[in-house]
Amino acid sequence: MTDQAAILREKILQLNKSKDKEIISHRNNRTLAIISGKGGVGKSNFSLNFALTLQKNGFKTLLLDMDIGMGNIDILLGKKSSYTIVDYFKNNISFKEIIMKGPEGLDYIAGGSGLTDFVEMKSKLALFFQHFQECLNNYDYILFDMGAGISEDSLQFILSVDDIIVLTTPEPTSITDAYAAMKFIHLRKSDIPFYLVVNRTMTDKDGFDTIQKIQQVVNRFLQRDLIHLGLIPDDPNVPQAVRSQIPFIFFNEKSEATKSLKKIADRYGKQQFTEPIMKEKNRFVSKLKRFLFER
């Protein structure tokens, strides 16, 4: 195991020498992780519809289903993906081949099944970085739909992104778990922006009360602010769309959930609610390499 780790570190160092000084994108693309403290809050459904809305708004978007072995983005789309991220790591399928085409021209990589955790990915991570880096120029946004909860391995991906969207609901357990997830991340890297979305709100007051509760706790114990991205109402069109395997923004374009998501995507895309964010070179790939191989 030690010898293998040494070999991987050497590969990463070689990649760094050849890649890290280059400008990887003329688009000033951004990477973002979408997380929740617990399962069952609608995270994958949000991730898919958010990615599709960004794509519809003219931003070239790639969505990666990082719920390895239990991914369901393709199920929500009503598609059976020819290849998944599992095929890249286990069956030697090329990186370009695992990128599937979705509605509106959205590119996505399905999570698949048969890969139990991130540890199984490590033997091909160096090559994965190289292929991933080569494709970054093609996108404005790269979204990672992370699995519920946070493990030490998935944490390395999360700590490497530019932004984190935290999805919660007004339920007390969801609020508590969302805060725990943010605290876990904050104690390891305190400068990543947290964007908060409250899903399944019964009323606007319900949503704003939830935001206030979380913000007060974060202010008190983490001494930082959150960026309030928006609310999504508890809309019967959403579960109907899931059962029909149609993204809810297409199932009913006039639904309250669709209208809310469009506002959220507009706010995020325009970055009107916060100070301009500095663009760094080689953000995601370089940080992820460092987190994974220089520990």
Protein backbone atom coordinates (compact mmCIF):
# COMPACT_ATOMS: atom_id res chain seq x y z
CA MET A 1 0.00 0.00 0.00
CA THR A 2 2.87 2.39 0.84
CA ASP A 3 4.61 1.66 -2.45
CA GLN A 4 1.39 2.25 -4.37
CA ALA A 5 0.84 5.57 -2.61
CA ALA A 6 4.39 6.64 -3.45
CA ILE A 7 3.85 5.79 -7.10
CA LEU A 8 0.61 7.78 -7.16
CA ARG A 9 2.26 10.79 -5.56
CA GLU A 10 5.02 10.67 -8.17
CA LYS A 11 2.41 10.58 -10.95
CA ILE A 12 0.68 13.58 -9.45
CA LEU A 13 3.95 15.49 -9.19
CA GLN A 14 4.60 14.79 -12.87
CA LEU A 15 1.13 16.04 -13.72
CA ASN A 16 1.70 19.15 -11.63
CA LYS A 17 4.91 19.99 -13.48
CA SER A 18 3.24 19.79 -16.85
CA LYS A 19 -0.20 21.15 -16.02
CA ASP A 20 -0.31 23.39 -12.96
CA LYS A 21 1.33 26.40 -14.59
CA GLU A 22 -1.13 26.40 -17.49
CA ILE A 23 -4.36 28.34 -17.69
CA ILE A 24 -6.95 25.59 -17.82
CA SER A 25 -9.94 27.67 -18.88
CA HIS A 26 -10.73 30.77 -20.84
CA ARG A 27 -14.31 30.52 -19.58
CA ASN A 28 -13.38 31.21 -15.92
CA ASN A 29 -15.36 28.08 -15.11
CA ARG A 30 -16.48 27.25 -11.60
CA THR A 31 -16.79 23.98 -9.77
CA LEU A 32 -19.45 23.48 -7.13
CA ALA A 33 -20.50 20.67 -4.84
CA ILE A 34 -24.14 20.18 -3.92
CA ILE A 35 -24.47 18.58 -0.49
CA SER A 36 -26.99 17.82 2.23
CA GLY A 37 -26.49 16.68 5.78
CA LYS A 38 -28.93 13.80 5.35
CA GLY A 39 -30.65 11.87 2.59
CA GLY A 40 -34.21 12.40 1.46
CA VAL A 41 -34.13 16.18 1.07
CA GLY A 42 -34.33 16.15 -2.75
CA LYS A 43 -30.65 16.89 -3.42
CA SER A 44 -30.20 14.89 -6.63
CA ASN A 45 -33.46 16.20 -8.04
CA PHE A 46 -32.35 19.75 -7.24
CA SER A 47 -28.89 19.12 -8.73
CA LEU A 48 -30.33 17.87 -12.01
CA ASN A 49 -32.89 20.63 -12.43
CA PHE A 50 -30.41 23.30 -11.33
CA ALA A 51 -27.85 22.04 -13.87
CA LEU A 52 -30.50 21.96 -16.62
CA THR A 53 -31.57 25.52 -15.79
CA LEU A 54 -27.99 26.78 -15.93
CA GLN A 55 -27.64 25.04 -19.29
CA LYS A 56 -30.87 26.65 -20.53
CA ASN A 57 -29.50 30.02 -19.39
CA GLY A 58 -26.61 29.64 -21.79
CA PHE A 59 -23.95 28.23 -19.45
CA LYS A 60 -22.30 25.05 -20.69
CA THR A 61 -22.68 22.67 -17.76
CA LEU A 62 -21.36 19.26 -16.71
CA LEU A 63 -23.11 17.35 -13.91
CA LEU A 64 -21.28 14.50 -12.16
CA ASP A 65 -23.26 12.08 -10.03
CA MET A 66 -20.83 11.41 -7.18
CA ASP A 67 -23.15 9.14 -5.22
CA ILE A 68 -20.87 6.33 -6.31
CA GLY A 69 -22.66 3.01 -6.63
CA MET A 70 -26.06 4.53 -5.80
CA GLY A 71 -26.37 7.26 -8.41
CA ASN A 72 -29.80 8.16 -9.72
CA ILE A 73 -29.37 11.12 -12.10
CA ASP A 74 -30.05 8.91 -15.12
CA ILE A 75 -33.12 7.46 -13.37
CA LEU A 76 -34.51 10.95 -12.79
CA LEU A 77 -33.95 11.60 -16.50
CA GLY A 78 -35.72 8.40 -17.51
CA LYS A 79 -32.57 7.21 -19.27
CA LYS A 80 -30.31 4.20 -19.10
CA SER A 81 -26.77 5.48 -19.46
CA SER A 82 -24.53 3.52 -21.81
CA TYR A 83 -21.60 4.08 -19.47
CA THR A 84 -21.09 5.48 -15.97
CA ILE A 85 -18.18 6.68 -13.87
CA VAL A 86 -17.83 3.08 -12.67
CA ASP A 87 -17.00 2.00 -16.22
CA TYR A 88 -14.12 4.47 -16.31
CA PHE A 89 -12.53 3.09 -13.17
CA LYS A 90 -13.35 -0.60 -13.55
CA ASN A 91 -13.84 -1.30 -17.26
CA ASN A 92 -11.31 1.02 -18.95
CA ILE A 93 -13.96 3.04 -20.78
CA SER A 94 -12.55 6.41 -21.90
CA PHE A 95 -13.46 9.63 -20.10
CA LYS A 96 -15.16 11.09 -23.17
CA GLU A 97 -17.31 7.98 -23.56
CA ILE A 98 -18.75 8.21 -20.03
CA ILE A 99 -20.01 11.75 -20.65
CA MET A 100 -23.67 11.34 -21.55
CA LYS A 101 -25.86 13.89 -23.33
CA GLY A 102 -29.02 15.04 -21.57
CA PRO A 103 -31.84 17.50 -22.35
CA GLU A 104 -30.95 21.02 -23.49
CA GLY A 105 -27.44 19.80 -24.33
CA LEU A 106 -26.54 19.14 -20.69
CA ASP A 107 -23.56 16.84 -20.26
CA TYR A 108 -23.62 14.46 -17.32
CA ILE A 109 -21.73 11.49 -15.89
CA ALA A 110 -23.90 8.89 -14.19
CA GLY A 111 -22.92 7.40 -10.83
CA GLY A 112 -23.56 3.79 -11.78
CA SER A 113 -23.17 0.82 -9.46
CA GLY A 114 -20.48 -1.68 -8.51
CA LEU A 115 -17.96 0.75 -7.05
CA THR A 116 -18.34 0.76 -3.28
CA ASP A 117 -16.37 3.88 -2.35
CA PHE A 118 -13.74 6.41 -3.37
CA VAL A 119 -10.93 4.13 -2.22
CA GLU A 120 -11.57 1.88 -5.22
CA MET A 121 -10.93 4.85 -7.50
CA LYS A 122 -7.43 5.64 -6.30
CA SER A 123 -5.51 3.38 -8.69
CA LYS A 124 -6.69 5.48 -11.66
CA LEU A 125 -7.03 8.92 -10.06
CA ALA A 126 -3.91 10.37 -11.68
CA LEU A 127 -5.24 9.54 -15.14
CA PHE A 128 -8.70 10.74 -14.14
CA PHE A 129 -7.24 14.14 -13.19
CA GLN A 130 -5.52 14.43 -16.54
CA HIS A 131 -8.68 13.61 -18.51
CA PHE A 132 -10.85 15.77 -16.28
CA GLN A 133 -8.50 18.71 -16.66
CA GLU A 134 -8.52 18.36 -20.43
CA CYS A 135 -12.31 18.70 -20.55
CA LEU A 136 -12.65 21.69 -18.20
CA ASN A 137 -12.23 24.15 -21.06
CA ASN A 138 -15.55 22.95 -22.45
CA TYR A 139 -17.66 24.08 -19.48
CA ASP A 140 -18.75 27.15 -17.55
CA TYR A 141 -19.99 25.12 -14.56
CA ILE A 142 -19.02 21.68 -13.27
CA LEU A 143 -21.48 20.40 -10.66
CA PHE A 144 -20.80 17.52 -8.27
CA ASP A 145 -23.93 15.92 -6.86
CA MET A 146 -22.39 14.44 -3.72
CA GLY A 147 -23.85 11.53 -1.79
CA ALA A 148 -25.78 12.19 1.41
CA GLY A 149 -23.51 12.85 4.38
CA ILE A 150 -19.76 13.36 4.16
CA SER A 151 -17.00 10.77 4.37
CA GLU A 152 -13.28 11.50 4.68
CA ASP A 153 -12.81 10.54 1.02
CA SER A 154 -15.72 12.53 -0.41
CA LEU A 155 -14.57 15.45 1.75
CA GLN A 156 -11.49 15.85 -0.47
CA PHE A 157 -13.68 16.54 -3.49
CA ILE A 158 -15.82 18.96 -1.52
CA LEU A 159 -12.81 20.90 -0.17
CA SER A 160 -11.50 21.35 -3.71
CA VAL A 161 -14.47 23.14 -5.28
CA ASP A 162 -15.07 26.86 -5.61
CA ASP A 163 -18.56 26.90 -4.09
CA ILE A 164 -20.79 24.65 -2.00
CA ILE A 165 -24.58 24.60 -2.22
CA VAL A 166 -26.15 23.23 0.96
CA LEU A 167 -29.66 21.88 0.51
CA THR A 168 -31.90 21.52 3.53
CA THR A 169 -35.60 21.42 4.42
CA PRO A 170 -37.43 23.10 7.32
CA GLU A 171 -37.45 19.82 9.28
CA PRO A 172 -35.39 20.07 12.52
CA THR A 173 -33.34 16.96 11.71
CA SER A 174 -32.48 18.32 8.26
CA ILE A 175 -31.47 21.69 9.73
CA THR A 176 -29.28 20.03 12.37
CA ASP A 177 -27.59 17.78 9.81
CA ALA A 178 -27.03 20.65 7.37
CA TYR A 179 -25.29 22.65 10.09
CA ALA A 180 -23.19 19.62 11.09
CA ALA A 181 -22.06 19.20 7.47
CA MET A 182 -21.12 22.88 7.16
CA LYS A 183 -19.24 22.78 10.45
CA PHE A 184 -17.34 19.67 9.38
CA ILE A 185 -16.24 21.42 6.18
CA HIS A 186 -15.61 24.83 7.78
CA LEU A 187 -13.21 23.42 10.38
CA ARG A 188 -11.08 22.04 7.55
CA LYS A 189 -11.35 24.91 5.07
CA SER A 190 -13.05 28.07 6.23
CA ASP A 191 -12.96 30.15 3.04
CA ILE A 192 -15.30 28.10 0.80
CA PRO A 193 -18.60 29.98 0.26
CA PHE A 194 -21.75 28.23 1.48
CA TYR A 195 -24.88 28.88 -0.58
CA LEU A 196 -28.05 27.86 1.25
CA VAL A 197 -31.18 26.53 -0.46
CA VAL A 198 -34.26 25.55 1.58
CA ASN A 199 -36.34 22.92 -0.19
CA ARG A 200 -39.97 21.87 0.37
CA THR A 201 -41.08 24.99 2.20
CA MET A 202 -44.79 25.18 3.07
CA THR A 203 -44.77 29.01 3.04
CA ASP A 204 -42.21 31.75 2.44
CA LYS A 205 -42.20 32.40 6.19
CA ASP A 206 -41.40 28.73 6.74
CA GLY A 207 -38.37 29.07 4.48
CA PHE A 208 -37.15 32.40 5.85
CA ASP A 209 -37.47 31.12 9.42
CA THR A 210 -35.31 28.15 8.45
CA ILE A 211 -32.68 30.42 6.91
CA GLN A 212 -32.68 32.60 10.03
CA LYS A 213 -32.26 29.62 12.35
CA ILE A 214 -29.30 28.26 10.40
CA GLN A 215 -27.71 31.68 9.93
CA GLN A 216 -27.90 32.44 13.65
CA VAL A 217 -26.19 29.17 14.58
CA VAL A 218 -23.53 29.60 11.90
CA ASN A 219 -22.89 33.20 13.04
CA ARG A 220 -22.61 32.19 16.67
CA PHE A 221 -20.44 29.10 16.41
CA LEU A 222 -18.57 29.46 13.10
CA GLN A 223 -18.39 33.27 12.96
CA ARG A 224 -19.29 33.44 9.29
CA ASP A 225 -22.17 34.28 6.98
CA LEU A 226 -24.12 32.20 4.52
CA ILE A 227 -25.25 33.24 1.05
CA HIS A 228 -29.02 32.82 0.87
CA LEU A 229 -29.64 31.41 -2.59
CA GLY A 230 -33.37 30.82 -2.37
CA LEU A 231 -36.41 28.76 -1.41
CA ILE A 232 -38.24 25.98 -3.27
CA PRO A 233 -41.85 25.37 -2.21
CA ASP A 234 -43.34 21.98 -1.46
CA ASP A 235 -44.90 21.56 -4.89
CA PRO A 236 -46.99 18.48 -5.88
CA ASN A 237 -45.60 18.78 -9.40
CA VAL A 238 -42.17 17.69 -8.15
CA PRO A 239 -43.05 14.15 -6.95
CA GLN A 240 -45.28 13.73 -10.01
CA ALA A 241 -42.32 14.61 -12.23
CA VAL A 242 -40.09 12.14 -10.36
CA ARG A 243 -42.61 9.34 -10.87
CA SER A 244 -42.81 10.25 -14.56
CA GLN A 245 -38.99 10.41 -14.76
CA ILE A 246 -39.13 13.90 -16.21
CA PRO A 247 -37.18 16.85 -14.74
CA PHE A 248 -39.75 19.03 -12.99
CA ILE A 249 -38.69 22.16 -14.89
CA PHE A 250 -40.01 20.41 -18.02
CA PHE A 251 -42.92 18.59 -16.38
CA ASN A 252 -44.62 21.89 -15.59
CA GLU A 253 -42.78 25.03 -16.64
CA LYS A 254 -45.31 27.21 -14.80
CA SER A 255 -45.14 25.37 -11.47
CA GLU A 256 -44.01 27.23 -8.36
CA ALA A 257 -41.01 24.93 -7.96
CA THR A 258 -39.87 25.67 -11.52
CA LYS A 259 -40.27 29.42 -11.03
CA SER A 260 -38.27 29.27 -7.80
CA LEU A 261 -35.48 27.23 -9.34
CA LYS A 262 -35.18 29.66 -12.24
CA LYS A 263 -34.73 32.51 -9.74
CA ILE A 264 -32.08 30.51 -7.87
CA ALA A 265 -30.16 29.74 -11.08
CA ASP A 266 -30.37 33.38 -12.15
CA ARG A 267 -29.07 34.59 -8.78
CA TYR A 268 -26.20 32.14 -8.81
CA GLY A 269 -25.29 32.73 -12.46
CA LYS A 270 -25.27 36.50 -12.10
CA GLN A 271 -23.62 36.48 -8.64
CA GLN A 272 -25.58 39.60 -7.76
CA PHE A 273 -25.81 38.95 -4.03
CA THR A 274 -22.15 38.86 -3.07
CA GLU A 275 -18.81 40.50 -3.73
CA PRO A 276 -17.06 39.57 -6.98
CA ILE A 277 -15.30 36.24 -6.61
CA MET A 278 -11.67 36.14 -7.66
CA LYS A 279 -10.88 33.70 -10.44
CA GLU A 280 -7.93 31.41 -9.78
CA LYS A 281 -6.04 29.23 -12.20
CA ASN A 282 -6.24 25.46 -11.85
CA ARG A 283 -8.55 25.71 -8.89
CA PHE A 284 -10.30 22.38 -8.64
CA VAL A 285 -7.80 19.90 -10.06
CA SER A 286 -4.77 21.33 -8.24
CA LYS A 287 -6.55 21.54 -4.89
CA LEU A 288 -7.96 18.05 -5.19
CA LYS A 289 -4.56 16.60 -6.05
CA ARG A 290 -3.08 18.32 -3.00
CA PHE A 291 -5.82 17.13 -0.65
CA LEU A 292 -5.63 13.53 -1.87
CA PHE A 293 -1.93 12.97 -2.31
CA GLU A 294 -0.09 15.35 0.00
CA ARG A 295 -1.71 14.21 3.23
